Amino acid sequence: MLTFFGRNRQFCDGVSRRDFLGVGALSIAGLSLADVLRLKAQAGVIESPKSVIMIYLPGGPTHLDTYDLKPAAPTEYRGEFDPIQTNVPGMEICELMPMQARIADKLSVVRGIVTSNEHSAHGTLTGFHKKAMRPPLGSVVSYMRGRKDSLPPYVSMMNNGNDDAENPYYVGEAHKPFSPSGEGMKSLSLVSDVTLNRLADRKALRDSLDNLRRDIDVDGSLAGVDSFTERALDMVTSTKARDAFDISRESASTHQLYGAANDTFLKARRLVEAGVSVVTLSTGGWDTHANNFESMRKQLPRIDQGIHALITDLHARGLENDVAVLMAGEFGRTPRINPGAGRDHWPSSGFSLLGGALGQGQVIGESDSNGSRPKGMPITQSNVLASIYRHLGIDPVTVIRDNSGRPMYLLDDRRMLSDLV
């Protein structure tokens, strides 16, 4: 069974005539994978080595206790943590993140981001409120680039319940992310009663039928079919996709670098290194209406190690110019601490952390003295995504037509973060 986030497609153990002619379990939304690949080529899709890892912090992390501390603010605002100086002059972050402080020259902190007030990953992944029903960046990249070799272009490790933020909407079912959990990984292997020899026999039969079809093809439209079918078969017969998910292949020192709690960070690095264009993951629970500081003491050291390991690893492997890293939640949290020692939802001033190709040792944007509002021109989630699209070689002005034929821009607010040169 091939699993894409949000929907499972069940197939019986037997392989029907239509199954093996369409590469069996890889049929998506009525099209075989070979059909999908062929359509990509007809659309003139150009592959690119650039990729992005998007780390979503569900629940909305507090900006005032992470990357936008206000030590001079009144006690009811400033919180319990002190800022520490990073290796970038003038850039300070929370004392619970000393590992990031040592590599801040490889990070960019965006402060004062205005978001919508909704508990959803939609804004982070699409730049829109969920009511807009727009495809996430990963689905857009899949639609525009297509698949590379035997790897899915878009992989999700979000595990984000019924958020539906990774619904591809009008770009099509074929551009849902691949989910490596449970049955998703099984789909990368042959079903139990199908060996490579049997698959080769079916391929031979399909080839003979294709020869008959070519005999009656008068306009040459079947030319090149074999190359797409071969690529579809590679999804099953190649070990490349399975190996990319297998973190047991990493050294003990690499596992130690990431820590036991950050396996998804390590898996994300393996995936982009193998050639996946977009990887999404979620980690932690950041909805701290109560006990905010207790929660931060537990979560920030873990995320600190994860970000430090990922960024350090990308640079060590020479991937820092090809892989962008984005970490963000759906909003910030209230500057004033509530009676339960927590902070509530606050869409007027959030943050994003950028690394890899967009990590340049700088702070972009600013909030006011209490962290309540942005100073100057507000930065939106769309502005951050516009910069991600640019890194991926996709113009944010690009238009995709929805199911009714209406032209839809990738983003409505297409201003890029100009400081990310």
Protein backbone atom coordinates (compact mmCIF):
# COMPACT_ATOMS: atom_id res chain seq x y z
CA MET A 1 0.00 0.00 0.00
CA LEU A 2 1.33 3.42 -0.97
CA THR A 3 0.51 5.99 1.73
CA PHE A 4 0.38 9.70 1.19
CA PHE A 5 -0.31 12.04 4.12
CA GLY A 6 -4.02 12.30 4.75
CA ARG A 7 -5.14 9.31 2.71
CA ASN A 8 -4.33 5.62 2.43
CA ARG A 9 -5.01 3.65 -0.72
CA GLN A 10 -5.69 -0.03 -0.11
CA PHE A 11 -4.74 -2.71 -2.57
CA CYS A 12 -5.25 -6.44 -2.31
CA ASP A 13 -2.30 -8.84 -2.30
CA GLY A 14 -3.07 -10.04 -5.80
CA VAL A 15 -1.81 -8.03 -8.76
CA SER A 16 -4.39 -7.48 -11.46
CA ARG A 17 -3.71 -6.92 -15.17
CA ARG A 18 -4.31 -3.20 -14.72
CA ASP A 19 -2.03 -3.22 -11.66
CA PHE A 20 1.04 -4.59 -13.34
CA LEU A 21 0.47 -2.62 -16.52
CA GLY A 22 0.39 0.52 -14.36
CA VAL A 23 3.23 -0.53 -12.03
CA GLY A 24 0.84 -2.01 -9.50
CA ALA A 25 0.54 -0.32 -6.15
CA LEU A 26 1.96 2.94 -7.44
CA SER A 27 -1.32 4.03 -8.99
CA ILE A 28 -2.25 7.50 -7.77
CA ALA A 29 -5.58 9.23 -8.33
CA GLY A 30 -6.32 7.07 -11.37
CA LEU A 31 -2.89 7.56 -12.96
CA SER A 32 0.03 5.19 -12.77
CA LEU A 33 3.33 6.66 -11.65
CA ALA A 34 4.54 6.27 -15.23
CA ASP A 35 1.61 8.47 -16.33
CA VAL A 36 2.50 11.08 -13.72
CA LEU A 37 6.15 11.14 -14.77
CA ARG A 38 5.18 11.44 -18.42
CA LEU A 39 2.92 14.42 -17.68
CA LYS A 40 5.79 16.07 -15.79
CA ALA A 41 8.07 15.81 -18.78
CA GLN A 42 5.38 17.17 -21.09
CA ALA A 43 5.04 20.15 -18.75
CA GLY A 44 8.76 20.89 -19.08
CA VAL A 45 9.60 20.33 -15.41
CA ILE A 46 13.22 21.18 -14.59
CA GLU A 47 14.91 19.42 -11.71
CA SER A 48 17.05 21.34 -9.25
CA PRO A 49 19.39 20.26 -6.46
CA LYS A 50 18.06 22.92 -4.08
CA SER A 51 15.95 21.67 -1.19
CA VAL A 52 14.38 22.75 2.09
CA ILE A 53 13.75 21.24 5.51
CA MET A 54 10.70 22.82 7.20
CA ILE A 55 10.49 22.29 10.96
CA TYR A 56 7.07 23.08 12.40
CA LEU A 57 6.69 23.78 16.14
CA PRO A 58 3.01 22.97 16.79
CA GLY A 59 1.10 25.07 19.27
CA GLY A 60 2.91 28.36 18.73
CA PRO A 61 6.27 28.79 20.54
CA THR A 62 6.98 31.82 22.67
CA HIS A 63 9.17 34.38 20.94
CA LEU A 64 9.95 36.18 24.21
CA ASP A 65 11.63 33.13 25.73
CA THR A 66 13.56 31.93 22.68
CA TYR A 67 14.87 34.37 20.04
CA ASP A 68 13.35 37.73 21.05
CA LEU A 69 13.99 38.21 24.75
CA LYS A 70 13.26 41.55 26.40
CA PRO A 71 15.49 41.75 29.49
CA ALA A 72 14.68 45.42 30.07
CA ALA A 73 10.91 44.89 30.04
CA PRO A 74 8.85 44.85 33.25
CA THR A 75 8.83 41.58 35.20
CA GLU A 76 5.34 40.63 34.03
CA TYR A 77 6.65 40.60 30.45
CA ARG A 78 10.29 39.58 30.49
CA GLY A 79 9.97 36.05 31.86
CA GLU A 80 12.40 33.88 33.79
CA PHE A 81 15.25 33.47 31.33
CA ASP A 82 18.25 35.62 30.55
CA PRO A 83 19.65 36.27 27.07
CA ILE A 84 23.14 35.11 26.16
CA GLN A 85 25.45 36.57 23.56
CA THR A 86 25.99 34.51 20.42
CA ASN A 87 29.06 34.46 18.18
CA VAL A 88 27.39 37.21 16.14
CA PRO A 89 27.88 40.66 17.74
CA GLY A 90 24.56 42.08 18.92
CA MET A 91 22.57 38.84 18.45
CA GLU A 92 21.26 37.40 21.70
CA ILE A 93 19.11 34.31 22.29
CA CYS A 94 17.80 32.40 25.30
CA GLU A 95 20.32 30.99 27.79
CA LEU A 96 18.78 27.53 27.28
CA MET A 97 20.15 27.41 23.74
CA PRO A 98 23.95 27.68 24.15
CA MET A 99 24.70 25.30 21.27
CA GLN A 100 22.94 27.56 18.76
CA ALA A 101 24.74 30.53 20.26
CA ARG A 102 28.02 28.97 19.08
CA ILE A 103 26.80 28.65 15.46
CA ALA A 104 24.68 31.81 15.21
CA ASP A 105 26.83 32.95 12.28
CA LYS A 106 25.13 30.13 10.36
CA LEU A 107 21.59 31.20 11.36
CA SER A 108 19.18 34.02 10.54
CA VAL A 109 16.56 35.05 13.09
CA VAL A 110 13.43 36.77 11.79
CA ARG A 111 11.55 38.71 14.48
CA GLY A 112 8.23 40.52 14.58
CA ILE A 113 6.37 38.21 12.17
CA VAL A 114 2.63 38.87 11.94
CA THR A 115 0.54 35.70 11.53
CA SER A 116 -3.09 34.62 11.49
CA ASN A 117 -4.55 33.56 14.82
CA GLU A 118 -5.18 29.90 14.10
CA HIS A 119 -3.88 26.65 15.54
CA SER A 120 -2.69 25.21 12.26
CA ALA A 121 0.41 24.63 10.18
CA HIS A 122 -1.30 26.23 7.17
CA GLY A 123 0.37 29.61 7.57
CA THR A 124 3.82 28.10 8.03
CA LEU A 125 3.52 25.74 5.05
CA THR A 126 1.34 27.75 2.65
CA GLY A 127 1.45 31.43 3.66
CA PHE A 128 -2.37 31.46 3.83
CA HIS A 129 -5.16 30.99 6.35
CA LYS A 130 -6.55 27.47 6.14
CA LYS A 131 -9.86 28.79 4.76
CA ALA A 132 -8.00 29.80 1.60
CA MET A 133 -7.43 26.09 0.77
CA ARG A 134 -4.03 26.58 -0.83
CA PRO A 135 -1.45 23.85 -1.46
CA PRO A 136 1.63 23.77 0.77
CA LEU A 137 5.05 24.67 -0.56
CA GLY A 138 6.00 20.99 -0.80
CA SER A 139 3.08 20.17 -3.09
CA VAL A 140 3.85 23.17 -5.28
CA VAL A 141 7.48 22.08 -5.60
CA SER A 142 6.35 18.52 -6.42
CA TYR A 143 3.97 19.89 -9.06
CA MET A 144 6.59 22.11 -10.67
CA ARG A 145 9.67 19.91 -10.40
CA GLY A 146 8.40 16.36 -10.47
CA ARG A 147 10.14 13.30 -9.11
CA LYS A 148 13.88 12.77 -9.12
CA ASP A 149 15.00 9.21 -9.78
CA SER A 150 13.34 6.80 -7.38
CA LEU A 151 12.77 9.36 -4.63
CA PRO A 152 9.53 11.15 -3.71
CA PRO A 153 9.96 14.92 -4.14
CA TYR A 154 8.03 15.76 -0.96
CA VAL A 155 8.22 13.84 2.32
CA SER A 156 6.24 14.63 5.47
CA MET A 157 7.06 13.56 9.00
CA MET A 158 4.55 16.01 10.45
CA ASN A 159 2.27 13.57 12.30
CA ASN A 160 -0.05 16.52 12.75
CA GLY A 161 -3.42 14.83 13.18
CA ASN A 162 -6.30 16.29 11.21
CA ASP A 163 -4.75 19.69 10.50
CA ASP A 164 -4.99 19.05 6.73
CA ALA A 165 -2.26 21.63 6.14
CA GLU A 166 -0.57 19.35 3.60
CA ASN A 167 -3.62 18.91 1.38
CA PRO A 168 -2.45 19.58 -2.21
CA TYR A 169 -5.85 20.91 -3.29
CA TYR A 170 -5.85 22.01 -6.94
CA VAL A 171 -2.31 20.87 -7.80
CA GLY A 172 -3.62 17.32 -7.50
CA GLU A 173 -3.55 14.17 -5.41
CA ALA A 174 -0.28 13.07 -7.01
CA HIS A 175 1.46 15.87 -5.11
CA LYS A 176 0.59 14.85 -1.58
CA PRO A 177 3.68 14.21 0.53
CA PHE A 178 4.94 10.71 1.02
CA SER A 179 4.59 9.65 4.65
CA PRO A 180 7.29 7.26 5.85
CA SER A 181 5.28 6.00 8.82
CA GLY A 182 3.74 2.52 8.96
CA GLU A 183 2.41 1.30 5.64
CA GLY A 184 4.13 4.10 3.75
CA MET A 185 7.49 2.40 4.06
CA LYS A 186 6.03 -0.98 3.07
CA SER A 187 4.99 0.52 -0.25
CA LEU A 188 8.65 0.92 -1.17
CA SER A 189 9.05 -2.86 -1.17
CA LEU A 190 7.60 -5.54 -3.41
CA VAL A 191 4.50 -7.30 -2.07
CA SER A 192 5.26 -10.66 -0.51
CA ASP A 193 4.37 -12.84 -3.50
CA VAL A 194 6.18 -10.70 -6.09
CA THR A 195 9.90 -11.28 -6.68
CA LEU A 196 12.13 -9.24 -8.94
CA ASN A 197 12.00 -12.12 -11.42
CA ARG A 198 8.19 -12.05 -11.46
CA LEU A 199 8.25 -8.29 -11.81
CA ALA A 200 10.62 -8.71 -14.78
CA ASP A 201 8.19 -11.21 -16.35
CA ARG A 202 5.35 -8.73 -16.01
CA LYS A 203 7.57 -6.02 -17.46
CA ALA A 204 8.29 -8.25 -20.47
CA LEU A 205 4.57 -8.84 -21.01
CA ARG A 206 3.87 -5.12 -20.72
CA ASP A 207 6.65 -4.40 -23.22
CA SER A 208 5.12 -6.81 -25.72
CA LEU A 209 1.75 -5.10 -25.37
CA ASP A 210 3.44 -1.72 -25.79
CA ASN A 211 4.97 -2.98 -29.04
CA LEU A 212 1.48 -3.82 -30.30
CA ARG A 213 0.29 -0.35 -29.35
CA ARG A 214 3.22 1.28 -31.16
CA ASP A 215 2.34 -0.63 -34.32
CA ILE A 216 -0.95 1.25 -34.52
CA ASP A 217 0.40 4.57 -33.23
CA VAL A 218 0.14 6.97 -36.15
CA ASP A 219 1.09 10.24 -34.49
CA GLY A 220 4.08 9.14 -32.42
CA SER A 221 2.40 9.95 -29.11
CA LEU A 222 3.62 6.71 -27.56
CA ALA A 223 7.27 7.50 -28.21
CA GLY A 224 9.30 7.58 -25.04
CA VAL A 225 6.78 5.64 -22.93
CA ASP A 226 9.39 3.09 -21.94
CA SER A 227 11.65 5.62 -20.23
CA PHE A 228 8.87 6.78 -17.92
CA THR A 229 7.80 3.24 -17.10
CA GLU A 230 11.37 2.35 -16.26
CA ARG A 231 11.52 5.23 -13.79
CA ALA A 232 8.27 4.09 -12.21
CA LEU A 233 9.62 0.57 -11.82
CA ASP A 234 12.72 2.03 -10.17
CA MET A 235 10.53 3.21 -7.29
CA VAL A 236 9.96 -0.43 -6.39
CA THR A 237 13.17 -2.11 -7.50
CA SER A 238 15.69 0.47 -6.28
CA THR A 239 16.84 0.57 -2.66
CA LYS A 240 17.66 4.29 -2.82
CA ALA A 241 14.38 5.48 -1.32
CA ARG A 242 14.39 2.88 1.45
CA ASP A 243 18.02 3.57 2.27
CA ALA A 244 17.40 7.32 2.56
CA PHE A 245 14.98 6.70 5.44
CA ASP A 246 17.30 4.27 7.23
CA ILE A 247 19.14 6.23 9.93
CA SER A 248 20.73 3.02 11.23
CA ARG A 249 23.27 3.52 8.44
CA GLU A 250 24.64 6.57 10.23
CA SER A 251 27.69 6.36 12.50
CA ALA A 252 27.48 6.30 16.27
CA SER A 253 29.09 9.74 16.38
CA THR A 254 26.39 11.18 14.12
CA HIS A 255 23.64 9.72 16.29
CA GLN A 256 25.35 11.23 19.31
CA LEU A 257 25.54 14.61 17.57
CA TYR A 258 21.76 14.70 17.03
CA GLY A 259 20.70 12.99 20.24
CA ALA A 260 18.09 10.28 20.69
CA ALA A 261 15.20 12.79 20.68
CA ASN A 262 16.06 14.25 17.27
CA ASP A 263 15.87 11.26 14.94
CA THR A 264 13.55 13.14 12.58
CA PHE A 265 16.17 15.88 12.15
CA LEU A 266 18.72 13.26 11.15
CA LYS A 267 16.27 11.55 8.82
CA ALA A 268 15.48 14.91 7.20
CA ARG A 269 19.18 15.47 6.50
CA ARG A 270 19.49 12.02 4.94
CA LEU A 271 16.47 12.67 2.72
CA VAL A 272 17.63 16.00 1.30
CA GLU A 273 21.13 14.64 0.84
CA ALA A 274 19.64 11.77 -1.19
CA GLY A 275 17.70 14.22 -3.38
CA VAL A 276 14.27 14.87 -1.80
CA SER A 277 13.25 18.47 -2.50
CA VAL A 278 11.03 19.25 0.49
CA VAL A 279 10.95 17.57 3.91
CA THR A 280 8.53 18.67 6.63
CA LEU A 281 8.56 17.59 10.26
CA SER A 282 7.00 18.66 13.53
CA THR A 283 8.42 18.43 17.00
CA GLY A 284 7.34 19.22 20.53
CA GLY A 285 4.22 20.83 21.91
CA TRP A 286 4.43 24.59 22.34
CA ASP A 287 0.90 25.61 23.41
CA THR A 288 2.00 26.88 26.81
CA HIS A 289 -1.07 28.56 28.30
CA ALA A 290 0.27 27.37 31.67
CA ASN A 291 3.69 26.38 32.98
CA ASN A 292 5.40 28.05 30.04
CA PHE A 293 8.80 28.26 31.70
CA GLU A 294 8.76 24.70 32.98
CA SER A 295 7.93 23.53 29.48
CA MET A 296 10.71 25.66 27.93
CA ARG A 297 13.28 24.19 30.34
CA LYS A 298 12.40 20.75 29.00
CA GLN A 299 12.00 21.51 25.31
CA LEU A 300 14.54 24.17 24.43
CA PRO A 301 17.67 22.10 25.22
CA ARG A 302 16.40 19.33 22.94
CA ILE A 303 15.56 21.66 20.06
CA ASP A 304 18.87 23.42 20.66
CA GLN A 305 20.76 20.18 20.10
CA GLY A 306 18.63 19.30 17.07
CA ILE A 307 19.20 22.61 15.28
CA HIS A 308 22.89 22.67 16.18
CA ALA A 309 23.35 19.13 14.87
CA LEU A 310 21.41 19.70 11.65
CA ILE A 311 23.14 22.94 10.71
CA THR A 312 26.59 21.64 11.69
CA ASP A 313 26.00 18.44 9.73
CA LEU A 314 24.85 20.28 6.60
CA HIS A 315 27.98 22.42 6.64
CA ALA A 316 30.23 19.44 7.30
CA ARG A 317 28.78 17.68 4.26
CA GLY A 318 29.02 20.69 1.96
CA LEU A 319 25.24 21.05 1.73
CA GLU A 320 24.92 24.51 3.27
CA ASN A 321 24.36 26.25 -0.06
CA ASP A 322 21.85 23.72 -1.37
CA VAL A 323 19.65 23.08 1.68
CA ALA A 324 17.60 25.78 3.39
CA VAL A 325 16.21 25.17 6.88
CA LEU A 326 13.11 26.90 8.23
CA MET A 327 11.84 26.50 11.80
CA ALA A 328 8.63 28.25 12.90
CA GLY A 329 5.31 27.86 14.66
CA GLU A 330 1.93 29.35 13.86
CA PHE A 331 2.29 32.45 16.07
CA GLY A 332 4.10 33.89 19.08
CA ARG A 333 2.74 34.11 22.60
CA THR A 334 1.43 36.94 24.74
CA PRO A 335 4.04 39.34 26.05
CA ARG A 336 2.25 39.58 29.41
CA ILE A 337 2.55 36.42 31.50
CA ASN A 338 -0.83 35.08 32.60
CA PRO A 339 -1.73 33.95 36.18
CA GLY A 340 -0.89 30.32 35.35
CA ALA A 341 2.73 31.22 34.54
CA GLY A 342 1.89 30.73 30.89
CA ARG A 343 1.58 32.77 27.74
CA ASP A 344 -1.44 32.75 25.45
CA HIS A 345 -1.76 33.01 21.64
CA TRP A 346 -0.25 36.14 20.11
CA PRO A 347 -0.35 36.54 16.30
CA SER A 348 1.08 40.07 16.34
CA SER A 349 4.73 39.10 16.84
CA GLY A 350 6.21 35.69 16.11
CA PHE A 351 9.56 34.42 14.85
CA SER A 352 11.20 32.20 12.27
CA LEU A 353 14.64 30.66 12.39
CA LEU A 354 16.48 30.13 9.11
CA GLY A 355 19.62 28.12 8.50
CA GLY A 356 21.58 26.37 5.81
CA ALA A 357 21.43 28.36 2.57
CA LEU A 358 19.53 31.19 4.32
CA GLY A 359 21.56 31.27 7.53
CA GLN A 360 23.77 34.34 7.36
CA GLY A 361 24.41 35.38 10.95
CA GLN A 362 21.87 38.17 11.18
CA VAL A 363 18.63 39.35 12.76
CA ILE A 364 15.89 40.49 10.40
CA GLY A 365 12.97 42.50 11.73
CA GLU A 366 12.34 43.85 15.20
CA SER A 367 9.57 43.94 17.77
CA ASP A 368 8.80 46.74 20.22
CA SER A 369 10.15 46.99 23.77
CA ASN A 370 7.65 44.48 25.16
CA GLY A 371 7.60 42.14 22.17
CA SER A 372 4.01 43.12 21.42
CA ARG A 373 4.18 44.49 17.90
CA PRO A 374 6.64 44.68 15.02
CA LYS A 375 8.57 47.88 14.50
CA GLY A 376 8.55 49.20 10.97
CA MET A 377 7.14 47.28 8.03
CA PRO A 378 5.49 44.05 9.27
CA ILE A 379 6.95 40.75 8.07
CA THR A 380 4.51 37.99 7.21
CA GLN A 381 4.77 34.22 6.88
CA SER A 382 4.38 34.73 3.14
CA ASN A 383 7.51 36.89 3.03
CA VAL A 384 9.49 34.07 4.61
CA LEU A 385 8.07 31.54 2.15
CA ALA A 386 8.78 33.87 -0.78
CA SER A 387 12.45 33.70 0.17
CA ILE A 388 12.23 29.90 0.41
CA TYR A 389 10.68 29.73 -3.07
CA ARG A 390 13.47 31.93 -4.41
CA HIS A 391 16.05 29.59 -2.92
CA LEU A 392 14.32 26.69 -4.67
CA GLY A 393 14.47 28.52 -7.99
CA ILE A 394 10.73 29.17 -8.15
CA ASP A 395 9.41 32.69 -8.77
CA PRO A 396 6.72 33.56 -6.15
CA VAL A 397 4.89 35.41 -8.92
CA THR A 398 4.23 32.05 -10.59
CA VAL A 399 0.54 31.33 -11.28
CA ILE A 400 -1.13 27.92 -11.07
CA ARG A 401 -4.72 27.52 -12.21
CA ASP A 402 -7.15 25.98 -9.74
CA ASN A 403 -9.81 23.41 -10.58
CA SER A 404 -12.11 26.07 -12.01
CA GLY A 405 -9.37 27.52 -14.21
CA ARG A 406 -8.86 30.59 -12.05
CA PRO A 407 -5.21 31.76 -11.88
CA MET A 408 -3.78 31.52 -8.35
CA TYR A 409 -0.50 33.11 -7.31
CA LEU A 410 1.75 30.97 -5.14
CA LEU A 411 1.58 33.74 -2.53
CA ASP A 412 -0.48 36.89 -2.21
CA ASP A 413 2.21 38.78 -0.27
CA ARG A 414 5.21 38.08 -2.50
CA ARG A 415 7.75 40.43 -0.90
CA MET A 416 10.98 38.58 -0.18
CA LEU A 417 13.26 39.18 2.78
CA SER A 418 15.70 41.47 1.00
CA ASP A 419 18.39 41.00 3.66
CA LEU A 420 18.74 37.35 2.65
CA VAL A 421 21.05 38.06 -0.28
